[in-house]
N, C-alpha and C. Protein backbone atom coordinates (compact mmCIF):
# COMPACT_ATOMS: atom_id res chain seq x y z
N MET A 1 74.41 99.84 100.57
CA MET A 1 74.59 101.08 101.01
C MET A 1 75.84 101.05 102.14
N SER A 2 77.10 101.88 101.55
CA SER A 2 78.12 101.78 102.71
C SER A 2 78.15 103.23 103.58
N PRO A 3 78.62 103.12 105.03
CA PRO A 3 79.12 103.82 105.85
C PRO A 3 79.26 104.99 105.26
N SER A 4 79.01 106.17 105.49
CA SER A 4 79.73 107.53 105.03
C SER A 4 80.82 107.78 105.71
N PRO A 5 81.85 108.50 105.84
CA PRO A 5 82.86 108.70 106.77
C PRO A 5 82.72 109.22 108.02
N MET A 6 81.78 110.10 108.14
CA MET A 6 80.93 110.73 109.31
C MET A 6 80.82 109.52 110.31
N GLN A 7 80.05 108.35 109.54
CA GLN A 7 79.58 107.03 110.76
C GLN A 7 80.85 106.67 111.21
N LEU A 8 81.71 106.61 109.96
CA LEU A 8 82.96 105.64 110.54
C LEU A 8 83.80 106.16 111.46
N LEU A 9 83.68 107.80 111.50
CA LEU A 9 84.49 108.21 113.04
C LEU A 9 83.96 108.02 114.10
N ILE A 10 82.56 108.23 114.14
CA ILE A 10 81.70 108.04 115.14
C ILE A 10 81.84 106.62 115.60
N ILE A 11 81.69 105.96 114.80
CA ILE A 11 81.71 104.06 115.41
C ILE A 11 83.50 103.93 115.77
N GLY A 12 84.41 104.66 115.33
CA GLY A 12 85.62 104.44 115.75
C GLY A 12 85.78 105.03 117.44
N LEU A 13 85.19 106.46 117.22
CA LEU A 13 85.65 106.93 118.66
C LEU A 13 84.74 106.09 119.92
N ILE A 14 83.21 105.48 119.48
CA ILE A 14 82.94 104.62 120.22
C ILE A 14 83.81 103.30 120.74
N ILE A 15 84.30 103.01 119.76
CA ILE A 15 85.23 101.90 120.21
C ILE A 15 86.55 102.08 121.10
N LEU A 16 87.14 103.34 120.65
CA LEU A 16 88.16 103.88 121.42
C LEU A 16 87.50 104.26 123.00
N VAL A 17 86.07 104.59 123.07
CA VAL A 17 85.90 105.09 124.71
C VAL A 17 85.74 103.47 124.80
N LEU A 18 85.20 102.72 124.54
CA LEU A 18 84.75 101.49 125.32
C LEU A 18 85.94 100.73 125.37
N PHE A 19 87.00 100.76 124.70
CA PHE A 19 88.37 99.75 125.03
C PHE A 19 89.25 100.20 125.64
N GLY A 20 89.58 101.66 125.30
CA GLY A 20 90.53 102.38 125.32
C GLY A 20 92.05 102.42 124.73
N ALA A 21 92.82 103.00 124.62
CA ALA A 21 93.84 103.29 123.61
C ALA A 21 95.12 101.93 123.80
N SER A 22 94.87 102.14 125.28
CA SER A 22 96.05 100.72 125.11
C SER A 22 95.51 99.37 124.55
N ARG A 23 94.59 98.91 125.47
CA ARG A 23 93.63 97.75 124.58
C ARG A 23 93.59 97.81 123.10
N LEU A 24 93.28 98.87 122.53
CA LEU A 24 93.34 98.66 121.04
C LEU A 24 94.44 98.24 120.48
N GLY A 25 95.60 99.06 120.99
CA GLY A 25 96.97 98.71 120.53
C GLY A 25 97.31 97.17 120.93
N GLU A 26 97.39 97.08 121.85
CA GLU A 26 97.09 95.24 121.98
C GLU A 26 96.87 94.21 121.20
N VAL A 27 95.20 94.80 120.75
CA VAL A 27 94.84 94.08 120.03
C VAL A 27 95.00 94.06 118.56
N GLY A 28 95.83 95.47 118.13
CA GLY A 28 96.00 95.54 116.88
C GLY A 28 97.52 94.91 116.74
N LYS A 29 98.31 94.68 117.74
CA LYS A 29 99.69 93.96 117.95
C LYS A 29 99.50 92.20 117.80
N GLY A 30 98.37 92.13 118.36
CA GLY A 30 98.00 90.79 118.46
C GLY A 30 97.47 90.15 117.40
N LEU A 31 96.61 90.28 116.55
CA LEU A 31 96.18 90.62 115.25
C LEU A 31 97.39 90.54 114.19
N GLY A 32 98.22 91.59 114.38
CA GLY A 32 98.98 91.30 113.34
C GLY A 32 100.32 90.31 113.55
N ASP A 33 100.58 90.07 114.52
CA ASP A 33 101.36 88.78 114.74
C ASP A 33 100.63 87.47 114.74
N GLY A 34 99.18 87.18 114.28
CA GLY A 34 98.45 86.13 114.06
C GLY A 34 98.46 86.01 112.72
N ILE A 35 98.18 87.36 111.89
CA ILE A 35 98.31 86.96 110.55
C ILE A 35 99.56 86.76 109.96
N ARG A 36 101.04 87.39 110.69
CA ARG A 36 101.88 86.95 110.22
C ARG A 36 102.38 85.21 110.48
N ASN A 37 101.95 85.24 111.65
CA ASN A 37 102.16 83.45 111.69
C ASN A 37 101.46 82.68 110.79
N PHE A 38 99.89 82.89 110.49
CA PHE A 38 99.52 82.20 109.69
C PHE A 38 99.97 82.49 108.14
N LYS A 39 100.60 83.51 107.88
CA LYS A 39 101.59 83.43 106.65
C LYS A 39 102.25 82.25 106.74
N LYS A 40 103.17 82.62 107.50
CA LYS A 40 104.39 81.72 107.60
C LYS A 40 103.93 80.41 107.24
N GLY A 41 102.93 79.92 108.37
CA GLY A 41 102.28 78.34 108.33
C GLY A 41 101.82 78.27 107.28
N ILE A 42 101.19 78.97 106.52
CA ILE A 42 100.60 78.75 105.20
C ILE A 42 101.71 78.26 104.27
N SER A 43 102.63 79.15 104.39
CA SER A 43 104.15 78.77 103.27
C SER A 43 104.90 77.71 103.53
N GLY A 44 104.79 77.42 104.66
CA GLY A 44 106.25 76.65 105.42
C GLY A 44 107.32 76.91 105.28
N ASP A 45 107.25 78.39 105.39
CA ASP A 45 108.60 78.56 105.55
C ASP A 45 108.77 78.98 107.06
N ASP A 46 110.13 78.54 107.67
CA ASP A 46 110.42 78.97 108.90
C ASP A 46 111.22 80.16 108.76
N GLY A 47 112.30 80.14 107.91
CA GLY A 47 112.67 81.54 107.34
C GLY A 47 114.23 81.26 107.65
N GLU A 48 114.76 80.27 108.07
CA GLU A 48 116.02 79.96 108.03
C GLU A 48 116.85 79.72 106.87
N ASP A 49 116.31 78.86 105.62
CA ASP A 49 116.52 78.25 104.76
C ASP A 49 116.50 79.59 104.06
N SER A 50 115.43 80.11 103.88
CA SER A 50 115.76 81.67 102.92
C SER A 50 116.99 82.35 103.39
N LYS A 51 116.83 82.59 104.45
CA LYS A 51 117.98 83.47 104.82
C LYS A 51 119.12 83.11 104.57
N ALA A 52 119.71 81.49 104.74
CA ALA A 52 120.64 81.07 104.26
C ALA A 52 121.41 81.20 102.71
N ASP A 53 119.99 81.38 101.97
CA ASP A 53 119.86 81.12 100.70
C ASP A 53 120.33 82.28 100.11
N ALA A 54 119.65 83.42 101.12
CA ALA A 54 120.05 84.84 100.47
C ALA A 54 121.25 85.42 100.56
N LYS A 55 121.90 84.84 101.84
CA LYS A 55 123.19 84.96 102.13
C LYS A 55 124.00 84.11 100.74
N GLN A 56 124.27 83.04 100.83
CA GLN A 56 124.65 82.38 99.37
C GLN A 56 124.77 83.32 98.68
N LEU A 57 123.69 83.39 97.77
CA LEU A 57 123.65 84.56 96.93
C LEU A 57 124.33 86.05 96.94
N LYS A 58 124.12 86.03 97.98
CA LYS A 58 124.95 87.22 98.02
C LYS A 58 126.64 87.39 97.81
N GLU A 59 126.86 86.27 98.57
CA GLU A 59 128.39 86.07 98.54
C GLU A 59 128.98 85.76 97.23
N THR A 60 128.03 85.09 96.32
CA THR A 60 128.12 84.68 95.22
C THR A 60 128.11 85.90 94.00
N ALA A 61 127.72 86.85 94.10
CA ALA A 61 127.36 88.09 93.43
C ALA A 61 128.28 88.60 93.58
N ARG A 62 129.22 88.83 95.25
CA ARG A 62 130.24 89.61 95.39
C ARG A 62 131.66 88.67 94.20
N ASP A 63 131.57 87.46 94.03
CA ASP A 63 132.45 86.79 93.54
C ASP A 63 132.38 87.07 91.94
N GLY A 64 131.20 87.40 91.60
CA GLY A 64 131.40 88.11 90.26
C GLY A 64 131.38 86.75 89.21
N ASN A 65 130.74 85.77 89.79
CA ASN A 65 129.99 84.83 88.58
C ASN A 65 128.23 85.21 88.36
N PRO A 66 128.08 85.58 87.37
CA PRO A 66 126.77 85.61 87.22
C PRO A 66 126.01 84.05 87.07
N SER A 67 126.67 83.33 86.48
CA SER A 67 125.59 82.02 85.94
C SER A 67 125.93 81.22 87.35
N GLU A 68 126.49 81.74 88.07
CA GLU A 68 126.44 80.76 89.41
C GLU A 68 125.20 81.36 90.26
N VAL A 69 125.00 82.44 90.31
CA VAL A 69 123.72 83.60 90.88
C VAL A 69 122.68 83.01 90.12
N ALA A 70 122.65 83.15 88.75
CA ALA A 70 121.52 82.48 88.08
C ALA A 70 121.30 80.90 88.52
N GLU A 71 122.03 80.46 88.56
CA GLU A 71 121.42 79.12 88.97
C GLU A 71 121.11 78.86 90.16
N LYS A 72 122.00 79.31 91.14
CA LYS A 72 121.09 79.54 92.60
C LYS A 72 119.40 80.06 92.31
N LYS A 73 119.61 81.10 91.98
CA LYS A 73 117.92 81.16 92.02
C LYS A 73 117.01 80.54 91.56
N GLU A 74 117.46 79.96 90.22
CA GLU A 74 116.39 79.34 89.97
C GLU A 74 116.15 78.01 90.88
N LYS A 75 117.35 77.62 91.66
CA LYS A 75 116.93 76.34 92.72
C LYS A 75 115.73 77.16 93.69
N VAL A 76 115.89 78.31 94.05
CA VAL A 76 115.02 78.59 94.99
C VAL A 76 113.70 78.93 94.54
């Protein structure tokens, strides 16, 4: 049995009263940062390599040699 929208609204209001709006914002931000860091840790990507590869692909695409662009995409 799933809760109705009215029940969810009441639960949300109770949580808002107990914790306050600013505290809920901090909790949400912390939860989002934690999930983002977890995903980065799982993928093993620190972001620097992919940014460098993307920059190289853009430069190659500007030069107009599509075969080099395709080769670099296969390496990524």
